[in-house]
Amino acid sequence: MIEDLGKVMSLLRFNDRAEIAISTRFLADLKVSDSVCVNGVCLTVSQKKSDAFRSIIMKETLDRSTFSRLKIGDLVNIERSMPASGRFDGHIVQGHVDCRAMIANIIVNGALREIEIKLPANFSKYVTEKGSIAVDGVSLTVSSLYEGSFKAAIVPHTALNTNLFHKKIGDWVNLEFDVLAKYLEKFIKKNDFASLIALRNTKIDESFLQKAGFLN
């Protein structure tokens, strides 16, 4: 779950990478080599200054995420890695962004808002109505699914404590699809029905988190 709204303090772009500096109220708790989720992207703290932490963003991440569109002063969602002893809120989010997508519409109804996001055709297989999806690292539930887009409701607390409150129609967001859907796809492609049956009884414990890439 998102813990803080950070701010992009500097951003240097190179041919094969970018270097970003981000301020956050959790700065004192961070150390070099820590993992931090920024707008749904898992970054490593490469340097820590008095006012911000710095991370290197590789080209593959720039190509796949909205980091190629970030600007100095932008607000970003910050989430620290969850310890093995922590409690789950939302759904499992690895910080491995699958793609970026454009906001097609925002519907505001009193304190509630609903966001419609275009869905790239090659990723539609991972989305189902009432399923989970991470939007800029925010765990949301798909409320409606259409041909080429989906909607998700944003409760007031989430809106006020994430950068989704500041998003406009035409803005881009990072999407990460449910990792369980990817496991299922892999098993089905291999006709590995034994693994599918075993998955039914899978416990989310430390061993599962290690295999899913949450723990080193």
Protein backbone atom coordinates (compact mmCIF):
# COMPACT_ATOMS: atom_id res chain seq x y z
CA MET A 1 0.00 0.00 0.00
CA ILE A 2 1.26 3.52 -0.80
CA GLU A 3 2.99 5.09 2.19
CA ASP A 4 4.01 8.54 0.96
CA LEU A 5 3.85 11.02 -1.89
CA GLY A 6 7.41 11.79 -2.89
CA LYS A 7 8.66 14.47 -5.24
CA VAL A 8 11.09 14.23 -8.15
CA MET A 9 13.97 16.55 -7.23
CA SER A 10 16.24 15.91 -10.20
CA LEU A 11 16.25 13.74 -13.29
CA LEU A 12 19.20 13.15 -15.61
CA ARG A 13 18.70 11.25 -18.86
CA PHE A 14 21.36 9.33 -20.77
CA ASN A 15 21.24 7.07 -23.81
CA ASP A 16 21.09 3.86 -21.80
CA ARG A 17 19.69 4.96 -18.43
CA ALA A 18 18.37 7.77 -16.25
CA GLU A 19 19.33 8.91 -12.75
CA ILE A 20 16.59 10.20 -10.48
CA ALA A 21 16.54 11.88 -7.06
CA ILE A 22 13.34 11.68 -4.99
CA SER A 23 12.43 13.28 -1.67
CA THR A 24 10.29 11.38 0.83
CA ARG A 25 9.44 11.60 4.50
CA PHE A 26 10.88 8.09 4.89
CA LEU A 27 14.35 9.25 3.86
CA ALA A 28 15.82 8.68 7.32
CA ASP A 29 14.69 5.04 7.25
CA LEU A 30 16.33 4.26 3.91
CA LYS A 31 19.86 3.05 3.29
CA VAL A 32 21.91 2.34 0.19
CA SER A 33 20.82 -0.92 -1.54
CA ASP A 34 17.26 -0.76 -0.14
CA SER A 35 14.41 -1.44 -2.55
CA VAL A 36 11.77 1.26 -2.90
CA CYS A 37 8.66 1.12 -5.06
CA VAL A 38 8.18 4.39 -7.00
CA ASN A 39 4.97 4.67 -9.04
CA GLY A 40 4.85 0.89 -9.00
CA VAL A 41 8.46 0.43 -10.16
CA CYS A 42 10.94 -1.30 -7.85
CA LEU A 43 14.07 0.86 -7.64
CA THR A 44 17.28 0.38 -5.66
CA VAL A 45 18.64 3.21 -3.52
CA SER A 46 22.08 3.86 -5.03
CA GLN A 47 22.88 7.00 -3.05
CA LYS A 48 21.38 8.87 -0.15
CA LYS A 49 21.68 12.61 0.39
CA SER A 50 20.26 14.90 3.07
CA ASP A 51 17.21 15.82 0.99
CA ALA A 52 16.63 12.85 -1.35
CA PHE A 53 17.61 9.33 -2.37
CA ARG A 54 18.99 8.56 -5.79
CA SER A 55 18.34 5.60 -8.06
CA ILE A 56 19.42 4.49 -11.51
CA ILE A 57 16.69 3.59 -14.00
CA MET A 58 17.76 1.21 -16.76
CA LYS A 59 16.62 1.53 -20.38
CA GLU A 60 14.24 -1.46 -20.23
CA THR A 61 12.38 0.19 -17.34
CA LEU A 62 12.30 3.53 -19.17
CA ASP A 63 10.87 1.83 -22.27
CA ARG A 64 8.20 -0.04 -20.31
CA SER A 65 7.14 2.55 -17.71
CA THR A 66 6.11 6.18 -17.42
CA PHE A 67 9.55 7.12 -16.10
CA SER A 68 10.41 8.25 -19.62
CA ARG A 69 7.74 10.96 -19.14
CA LEU A 70 8.58 12.07 -15.58
CA LYS A 71 9.51 15.69 -14.92
CA ILE A 72 11.18 17.49 -12.03
CA GLY A 73 8.51 18.40 -9.48
CA ASP A 74 6.21 15.47 -10.31
CA LEU A 75 4.61 13.69 -7.36
CA VAL A 76 5.28 9.96 -7.16
CA ASN A 77 3.84 7.15 -5.05
CA ILE A 78 6.33 5.70 -2.56
CA GLU A 79 6.14 2.31 -0.90
CA ARG A 80 8.88 0.57 1.05
CA SER A 81 9.41 -3.17 0.69
CA MET A 82 7.20 -5.26 2.95
CA PRO A 83 9.06 -7.35 5.56
CA ALA A 84 8.35 -11.08 5.65
CA SER A 85 6.59 -10.56 8.98
CA GLY A 86 4.38 -7.74 7.62
CA ARG A 87 0.66 -7.83 6.97
CA PHE A 88 -0.76 -8.01 3.46
CA ASP A 89 -2.98 -5.16 2.31
CA GLY A 90 -4.35 -5.00 -1.22
CA HIS A 91 -2.78 -7.72 -3.39
CA ILE A 92 0.72 -8.98 -4.20
CA VAL A 93 2.63 -6.29 -6.10
CA GLN A 94 6.21 -7.04 -7.14
CA GLY A 95 7.21 -3.66 -8.52
CA HIS A 96 7.76 -5.24 -11.95
CA VAL A 97 5.73 -2.96 -14.20
CA ASP A 98 4.27 -4.68 -17.26
CA CYS A 99 3.36 -1.64 -19.36
CA ARG A 100 2.21 1.96 -19.33
CA ALA A 101 -1.29 3.04 -20.29
CA MET A 102 -3.25 6.24 -20.84
CA ILE A 103 -6.10 7.53 -18.69
CA ALA A 104 -9.15 7.66 -20.96
CA ASN A 105 -11.65 9.19 -18.54
CA ILE A 106 -12.12 10.29 -14.93
CA ILE A 107 -15.61 10.33 -13.43
CA VAL A 108 -16.07 12.27 -10.18
CA ASN A 109 -19.21 11.59 -8.14
CA GLY A 110 -19.04 13.49 -4.86
CA ALA A 111 -16.12 12.16 -2.83
CA LEU A 112 -15.75 9.12 -5.07
CA ARG A 113 -13.96 9.00 -8.37
CA GLU A 114 -13.68 6.35 -11.03
CA ILE A 115 -10.80 6.14 -13.45
CA GLU A 116 -10.95 4.54 -16.89
CA ILE A 117 -7.66 3.36 -18.35
CA LYS A 118 -6.92 2.15 -21.87
CA LEU A 119 -5.81 -1.47 -21.87
CA PRO A 120 -3.19 -2.62 -24.38
CA ALA A 121 -4.66 -5.57 -26.29
CA ASN A 122 -1.77 -7.95 -25.56
CA PHE A 123 -2.31 -7.53 -21.80
CA SER A 124 -6.11 -7.79 -21.68
CA LYS A 125 -5.87 -11.52 -20.87
CA TYR A 126 -4.53 -10.64 -17.40
CA VAL A 127 -7.48 -8.44 -16.41
CA THR A 128 -10.84 -9.62 -15.13
CA GLU A 129 -13.79 -7.84 -13.58
CA LYS A 130 -13.43 -7.68 -9.77
CA GLY A 131 -9.79 -8.73 -10.14
CA SER A 132 -6.80 -6.81 -8.80
CA ILE A 133 -4.49 -4.49 -10.72
CA ALA A 134 -1.73 -2.09 -9.67
CA VAL A 135 -1.96 1.43 -11.12
CA ASP A 136 1.18 3.47 -10.39
CA GLY A 137 1.72 1.01 -7.55
CA VAL A 138 -1.76 1.49 -6.09
CA SER A 139 -3.68 -1.75 -5.55
CA LEU A 140 -7.11 -1.30 -7.16
CA THR A 141 -10.04 -3.54 -8.02
CA VAL A 142 -11.31 -3.66 -11.60
CA SER A 143 -14.92 -2.49 -11.37
CA SER A 144 -15.77 -2.72 -15.09
CA LEU A 145 -14.02 -4.29 -18.06
CA TYR A 146 -14.57 -3.21 -21.67
CA GLU A 147 -13.05 -3.89 -25.07
CA GLY A 148 -9.86 -1.88 -24.86
CA SER A 149 -10.21 -0.37 -21.38
CA PHE A 150 -11.14 -0.97 -17.75
CA LYS A 151 -12.49 1.11 -14.89
CA ALA A 152 -11.43 1.13 -11.25
CA ALA A 153 -13.04 2.99 -8.36
CA ILE A 154 -10.84 5.14 -6.11
CA VAL A 155 -12.05 5.73 -2.56
CA PRO A 156 -11.40 9.17 -0.98
CA HIS A 157 -8.52 7.97 1.23
CA THR A 158 -6.66 6.50 -1.73
CA ALA A 159 -7.28 9.57 -3.87
CA LEU A 160 -6.01 11.98 -1.22
CA ASN A 161 -2.92 9.94 -0.34
CA THR A 162 -1.65 8.99 -3.80
CA ASN A 163 -0.81 10.79 -7.02
CA LEU A 164 -4.01 9.48 -8.60
CA PHE A 165 -5.75 12.56 -7.16
CA HIS A 166 -3.60 14.73 -9.43
CA LYS A 167 -4.00 12.70 -12.61
CA LYS A 168 -5.83 14.10 -15.62
CA ILE A 169 -7.36 12.59 -18.75
CA GLY A 170 -4.51 11.88 -21.15
CA ASP A 171 -1.94 11.25 -18.41
CA TRP A 172 -0.04 7.97 -18.38
CA VAL A 173 0.21 5.43 -15.55
CA ASN A 174 2.16 2.24 -14.89
CA LEU A 175 0.27 -1.04 -14.85
CA GLU A 176 1.30 -4.24 -13.11
CA PHE A 177 -0.99 -7.22 -13.55
CA ASP A 178 -1.71 -9.87 -10.94
CA VAL A 179 1.28 -12.23 -10.68
CA LEU A 180 -1.04 -15.19 -10.06
CA ALA A 181 -2.58 -14.66 -13.51
CA LYS A 182 0.90 -14.94 -15.02
CA TYR A 183 1.62 -18.16 -13.16
CA LEU A 184 -1.68 -19.60 -14.40
CA GLU A 185 -0.86 -18.62 -17.98
CA LYS A 186 2.53 -20.33 -17.73
CA PHE A 187 1.04 -23.55 -16.36
CA ILE A 188 -1.69 -23.62 -19.02
CA LYS A 189 0.80 -23.05 -21.87
CA LYS A 190 2.83 -26.01 -20.63
CA ASN A 191 -0.25 -28.14 -19.96
CA ASP A 192 1.11 -28.35 -16.43
CA PHE A 193 -2.17 -29.24 -14.77
CA ALA A 194 -0.42 -30.81 -11.77
CA SER A 195 1.02 -27.40 -10.92
CA LEU A 196 -2.41 -25.83 -11.36
CA ILE A 197 -3.85 -28.26 -8.85
CA ALA A 198 -0.94 -27.59 -6.47
CA LEU A 199 -1.47 -23.84 -6.85
CA ARG A 200 -4.96 -24.24 -5.45
CA ASN A 201 -3.42 -25.25 -2.12
CA THR A 202 -0.55 -22.74 -2.19
CA LYS A 203 0.12 -20.86 1.02
CA ILE A 204 1.49 -17.33 0.86
CA ASP A 205 4.47 -17.80 3.17
CA GLU A 206 8.16 -16.87 3.19
CA SER A 207 9.02 -19.56 0.65
CA PHE A 208 6.32 -18.34 -1.77
CA LEU A 209 7.52 -14.73 -1.39
CA GLN A 210 11.10 -15.76 -2.19
CA LYS A 211 10.05 -17.56 -5.37
CA ALA A 212 7.91 -14.58 -6.39
CA GLY A 213 10.89 -12.24 -6.03
CA PHE A 214 9.89 -10.37 -2.89
CA LEU A 215 12.75 -11.63 -0.72
CA ASN A 216 16.43 -11.99 -1.46
